[in-house]
Protein backbone atom coordinates (compact mmCIF):
# COMPACT_ATOMS: atom_id res chain seq x y z
CA MET A 1 -0.69 -2.82 -12.92
CA THR A 2 -0.93 -0.08 -9.91
CA PHE A 3 -1.09 -2.83 -7.49
CA PRO A 4 0.87 -4.54 -6.46
CA SER A 5 3.04 -4.25 -9.12
CA HIS A 6 4.11 -0.98 -8.27
CA ALA A 7 4.58 -2.34 -4.22
CA ALA A 8 7.53 -4.21 -5.78
CA ALA A 9 9.53 -1.39 -6.19
CA VAL A 10 9.52 -0.09 -2.81
CA MET A 11 9.83 -3.69 -0.78
CA PRO A 12 13.31 -3.93 -0.90
CA LEU A 13 13.75 -1.15 0.43
CA LYS A 14 11.93 -1.84 4.09
CA LEU A 15 13.71 -5.54 3.75
CA LEU A 16 17.14 -4.04 3.61
CA ARG A 17 16.55 -1.14 6.33
CA PRO A 18 13.33 -1.68 8.42
CA ARG A 19 13.61 1.03 10.59
CA TRP A 20 14.41 3.98 8.04
CA PHE A 21 11.14 3.44 6.30
CA ASP A 22 7.55 2.81 7.23
CA GLY A 23 6.66 -0.20 5.07
CA VAL A 24 2.82 1.08 4.71
CA ALA A 25 3.48 4.62 3.00
CA LEU A 26 5.65 3.39 1.14
CA VAL A 27 3.38 0.22 -0.75
CA VAL A 28 0.33 3.30 -0.68
CA GLY A 29 3.07 5.23 -1.95
CA SER A 30 3.43 3.56 -4.99
CA THR A 31 -0.10 3.75 -5.88
CA ALA A 32 -0.60 6.84 -5.00
CA PRO A 33 -0.53 8.58 -8.48
CA ASP A 34 -2.98 6.25 -10.20
CA LEU A 35 -5.37 6.82 -7.32
CA PRO A 36 -7.42 10.14 -9.22
CA TYR A 37 -8.18 8.09 -12.25
CA ALA A 38 -10.88 6.94 -10.40
CA LEU A 39 -12.70 10.24 -11.19
CA GLY A 40 -12.89 9.07 -14.48
CA ALA A 41 -12.29 10.94 -17.24
CA PRO A 42 -10.47 13.07 -18.76
CA LEU A 43 -7.89 11.19 -16.61
CA PRO A 44 -6.76 13.40 -14.16
CA THR A 45 -2.36 12.98 -13.85
CA TYR A 46 -1.68 15.57 -11.61
CA GLY A 47 -0.28 12.74 -9.21
CA HIS A 48 1.95 12.04 -11.83
CA THR A 49 3.68 15.62 -11.77
CA TRP A 50 6.66 16.13 -10.09
CA VAL A 51 4.74 18.80 -7.69
CA GLY A 52 1.86 16.01 -7.24
CA LEU A 53 3.51 13.97 -5.74
CA ALA A 54 4.15 15.68 -2.58
CA LEU A 55 1.10 17.59 -2.91
CA TRP A 56 -0.87 15.03 -3.39
CA GLY A 57 0.67 11.66 -3.41
CA VAL A 58 2.00 12.45 0.52
CA PRO A 59 -1.27 13.69 2.50
CA LEU A 60 -3.00 10.99 0.45
CA THR A 61 -0.66 8.14 1.68
CA MET A 62 -1.03 9.17 5.38
CA THR A 63 -3.82 9.99 5.22
CA ALA A 64 -4.53 6.32 3.99
CA ALA A 65 -1.98 4.72 6.39
CA LEU A 66 -3.66 5.61 9.47
CA LEU A 67 -6.70 4.24 8.10
CA ILE A 68 -4.84 0.90 7.25
CA ARG A 69 -3.09 0.94 10.61
CA TRP A 70 -6.26 1.07 12.83
CA SER A 71 -8.17 -1.30 10.97
CA ALA A 72 -5.24 -4.14 11.00
CA PRO A 73 -5.67 -5.77 13.84
CA VAL A 74 -9.28 -6.70 13.14
CA VAL A 75 -8.60 -7.52 9.48
CA ALA A 76 -5.33 -9.87 9.92
CA ALA A 77 -7.41 -11.76 12.36
CA HIS A 78 -9.90 -12.97 10.11
CA LEU A 79 -6.73 -14.03 8.00
CA PRO A 80 -5.62 -17.49 7.44
CA GLY A 81 -1.73 -18.27 8.51
CA TRP A 82 1.17 -15.57 8.50
CA TRP A 83 -0.95 -12.94 6.99
CA GLN A 84 -2.10 -12.73 10.61
CA ASP A 85 1.27 -11.24 11.20
CA TYR A 86 -0.07 -7.83 9.93
CA GLY A 87 -2.07 -7.18 13.12
CA VAL A 88 1.26 -5.54 14.07
CA LEU A 89 0.71 -2.85 11.80
CA GLY A 90 -1.86 -1.20 14.36
CA ARG A 91 0.43 -0.66 16.81
CA VAL A 92 3.35 0.27 14.98
CA ARG A 93 3.87 4.32 15.31
CA HIS A 94 6.97 5.49 13.08
CA PRO A 95 7.92 9.43 13.83
CA TRP A 96 6.13 11.74 11.09
CA TYR A 97 8.75 12.18 8.84
CA ILE A 98 9.79 8.90 7.87
CA THR A 99 6.11 8.39 6.96
CA ALA A 100 6.37 11.26 4.83
CA LEU A 101 9.46 10.46 3.62
CA SER A 102 8.19 7.02 2.79
CA ALA A 103 5.27 7.90 1.14
CA TRP A 104 7.48 10.61 -1.09
CA ILE A 105 9.50 8.10 -2.00
CA GLY A 106 7.18 5.60 -2.99
CA ALA A 107 5.40 8.03 -4.80
CA ILE A 108 8.70 8.72 -6.95
CA THR A 109 9.19 4.81 -7.82
CA HIS A 110 5.83 4.76 -9.51
CA ARG A 111 6.79 7.91 -11.51
CA LEU A 112 10.06 6.88 -12.31
CA TRP A 113 8.71 3.58 -13.81
CA ASP A 114 6.16 5.12 -16.00
CA GLU A 115 8.51 7.42 -17.31
CA VAL A 116 10.67 4.19 -18.66
CA THR A 117 7.40 2.46 -19.58
CA HIS A 118 5.15 4.94 -21.22
CA ASP A 119 5.35 7.19 -24.40
CA ARG A 120 3.66 10.23 -23.08
CA LEU A 121 1.20 11.20 -20.16
CA PRO A 122 -1.60 13.87 -21.05
CA GLY A 123 -0.29 17.14 -18.47
CA THR A 124 2.56 15.99 -17.34
CA SER A 125 6.79 15.72 -19.11
CA LEU A 126 6.31 12.11 -18.31
CA GLY A 127 7.52 9.62 -21.07
CA PHE A 128 9.87 8.89 -23.75
CA ALA A 129 8.00 9.54 -27.54
CA ALA A 130 10.31 7.45 -28.94
CA LEU A 131 8.04 4.46 -26.78
CA GLY A 132 4.93 4.90 -29.23
CA ARG A 133 6.69 3.39 -32.43
CA PRO A 134 5.40 -0.46 -33.11
CA LEU A 135 7.71 -3.16 -32.03
CA LEU A 136 4.82 -4.92 -33.98
CA PRO A 137 2.03 -4.29 -36.19
CA GLY A 138 -1.02 -2.85 -33.15
CA LEU A 139 1.60 -3.50 -30.37
CA PRO A 140 4.11 0.19 -29.29
CA TRP A 141 7.12 -0.32 -27.21
CA TRP A 142 4.98 1.44 -24.38
CA GLU A 143 2.25 -1.10 -24.12
CA ALA A 144 4.92 -4.87 -24.12
CA LEU A 145 7.08 -2.54 -21.50
CA HIS A 146 4.21 -1.58 -19.52
CA ALA A 147 2.90 -5.73 -19.66
CA ALA A 148 6.11 -6.82 -19.39
CA SER A 149 7.35 -4.68 -16.21
CA SER A 150 3.65 -5.13 -14.51
CA LEU A 151 3.68 -9.35 -14.63
CA LEU A 152 7.46 -9.06 -13.05
CA GLY A 153 6.18 -6.63 -10.67
CA LEU A 154 3.44 -8.69 -9.58
CA ILE A 155 6.12 -11.48 -9.18
CA GLY A 156 7.93 -9.68 -7.09
CA TRP A 157 5.68 -8.65 -4.38
CA ILE A 158 4.29 -12.25 -4.25
CA TRP A 159 7.96 -13.14 -3.65
CA ALA A 160 8.22 -10.57 -1.36
CA THR A 161 5.59 -10.97 0.71
CA VAL A 162 5.76 -14.70 1.15
CA HIS A 163 9.45 -13.76 2.05
CA ILE A 164 8.32 -12.20 4.88
CA GLY A 165 5.55 -13.54 6.20
CA ARG A 166 7.50 -16.92 6.17
CA HIS A 167 10.47 -15.53 8.29
CA GLY A 168 7.91 -14.16 10.13
CA LEU A 169 9.78 -10.57 9.41
CA LEU A 170 7.02 -8.90 10.95
CA ARG A 171 7.23 -10.47 14.49
CA HIS A 172 11.15 -9.60 14.00
CA TRP A 173 10.83 -5.87 13.42
CA HIS A 174 7.72 -4.72 15.58
CA GLY A 175 6.79 -8.05 18.03
CA PRO A 176 3.41 -10.30 18.10
CA PRO A 177 0.12 -8.77 16.60
CA PRO A 178 -1.98 -8.32 19.47
CA GLN A 179 -4.86 -10.63 20.31
CA THR A 180 -7.99 -9.64 18.62
CA ALA A 181 -11.59 -11.03 18.74
CA ARG A 182 -12.88 -12.98 15.71
CA ARG A 183 -16.29 -12.44 14.64
CA PRO A 184 -15.96 -14.43 10.96
CA VAL A 185 -19.50 -14.46 9.88
CA LEU A 186 -20.11 -10.70 10.39
CA PHE A 187 -16.61 -9.76 9.37
CA TRP A 188 -16.72 -11.58 6.02
CA ALA A 189 -20.44 -10.40 5.68
CA ALA A 190 -19.46 -7.21 6.17
CA VAL A 191 -16.86 -7.72 3.57
CA ALA A 192 -18.86 -9.31 0.97
CA ALA A 193 -21.68 -6.14 1.17
CA ALA A 194 -19.07 -3.67 0.85
CA LEU A 195 -17.32 -5.34 -2.37
CA THR A 196 -20.77 -6.15 -3.88
CA MET A 197 -22.37 -2.76 -3.16
CA GLY A 198 -18.83 -0.69 -4.60
CA THR A 199 -18.72 -2.65 -7.58
CA ALA A 200 -22.06 -1.75 -8.69
CA ILE A 201 -21.52 1.74 -8.10
CA SER A 202 -17.85 1.61 -9.72
CA ALA A 203 -19.47 0.07 -12.92
CA LEU A 204 -22.47 2.28 -13.09
CA LEU A 205 -20.85 5.46 -12.25
CA PRO A 206 -19.76 7.71 -15.48
CA ASP A 207 -16.77 6.27 -17.55
CA GLY A 208 -17.17 2.83 -15.55
CA ARG A 209 -16.19 1.06 -18.88
CA ILE A 210 -13.29 2.20 -19.20
CA PRO A 211 -10.45 -0.46 -17.83
CA ILE A 212 -8.14 2.17 -16.27
CA VAL A 213 -10.43 4.22 -14.46
CA LEU A 214 -12.39 0.95 -13.20
CA GLY A 215 -9.60 -0.38 -12.01
CA ALA A 216 -8.55 2.32 -9.88
CA ARG A 217 -12.34 2.34 -8.29
CA LEU A 218 -12.36 -1.40 -7.66
CA LEU A 219 -8.70 -1.22 -5.71
CA ASP A 220 -10.13 1.39 -3.96
CA VAL A 221 -13.34 -0.37 -3.65
CA PHE A 222 -11.12 -3.72 -2.34
CA ALA A 223 -9.78 -1.52 -0.01
CA GLY A 224 -12.26 0.25 0.77
CA ALA A 225 -14.33 -3.25 1.93
CA PHE A 226 -12.04 -4.32 4.70
CA VAL A 227 -11.74 -1.17 6.33
CA VAL A 228 -15.45 -1.15 6.68
CA ALA A 229 -15.97 -4.82 8.03
CA ALA A 230 -12.84 -3.55 10.58
CA SER A 231 -15.60 -0.57 11.46
CA VAL A 232 -18.21 -2.49 11.82
CA ILE A 233 -16.35 -5.22 14.14
CA ARG A 234 -15.22 -2.05 16.42
CA LEU A 235 -18.42 -0.86 16.72
CA SER A 236 -20.73 -3.83 16.68
CA PRO A 237 -22.37 -3.46 20.41
CA HIS A 238 -21.53 -7.43 21.02
CA ALA A 239 -17.74 -7.09 20.41
CA ARG A 240 -15.19 -7.84 22.80
CA PRO A 241 -12.56 -5.74 23.65
CA GLU A 242 -9.14 -6.21 22.83
CA LEU A 243 -6.61 -8.80 24.31
CA CYS A 244 -3.18 -7.95 25.60
CA SER A 245 -3.16 -5.11 23.20
CA GLY A 246 -0.41 -3.30 24.46
CA PRO A 247 0.88 0.19 23.99
CA PRO A 248 2.02 1.80 20.50
CA SER A 249 5.32 0.09 19.35
CA GLN A 250 7.50 3.01 18.60
CA VAL A 251 9.93 2.73 15.83
CA ARG A 252 12.88 4.22 15.98
CA PRO A 253 14.47 5.69 12.51
CA HIS A 254 17.79 4.18 13.26
CA PRO A 255 19.10 1.43 15.77
CA PRO A 256 20.29 2.29 18.61
CA ALA A 257 24.32 3.17 19.11
CA PRO A 258 25.98 0.22 20.70
CA PRO A 259 27.55 1.02 24.08
CA ARG A 260 30.96 2.31 24.36
CA ALA A 261 33.50 0.24 26.11
CA GLY A 262 35.26 2.18 29.48
CA ARG A 263 35.07 1.47 33.20
CA PRO A 264 32.69 -1.05 34.45
CA GLU A 265 30.67 1.90 36.12
CA ASP A 266 30.03 3.38 33.22
CA GLN A 267 28.69 0.73 31.36
């Protein structure tokens, strides 16, 4: 499962060292290798090659991260409870090399995960041929491993997401979210319209009946629907400006060094 299962491999990095990583880039990067499947058959597998992880995964992830951060304040303002804390992502600015490295690491974890849960992937050196042997009649080892690992990844993602939300970690890392104007009727109408149109187009395009192709398209549609809705709110002539948005939150790659002991006038 491209998302959210693969995100479970990178979220511990953000939890353990929040200043070292761009969490948005980690999560998006962990899904990037599968996104070309939306183009249809034959499946473009370039994103799974070692070169493709850098030349495809990193630029795509950095672009997507910009869109996510641009949309986050409006989207989060229309969500319940601690989901609204994600609005602060719109104010966070990591150094570009932290975002690029996080994107690359996320893509690498995807490749390594697939390495041990696939027997092969055309156009790549990925997989172990032995996993093509049957575990049960009609069920090869790789399919069982892929399904089991996807389920475990889903559980891990749910746990990490709930942990971040209930403990207010986004507020701890970056401060409170900006107070953003809410227009729930317009916002959710835009989401519904974009989802409906995008889903129909995804199914009607060539190869729309191939599950992995349709799945990649629907993932893009789901994310895109919220970007569209955020754009509608931001560009609406009756939209109120954001309140108390404040300057961007600059994230240092490492915590500042503690002051050295010395004479009082040096401290």
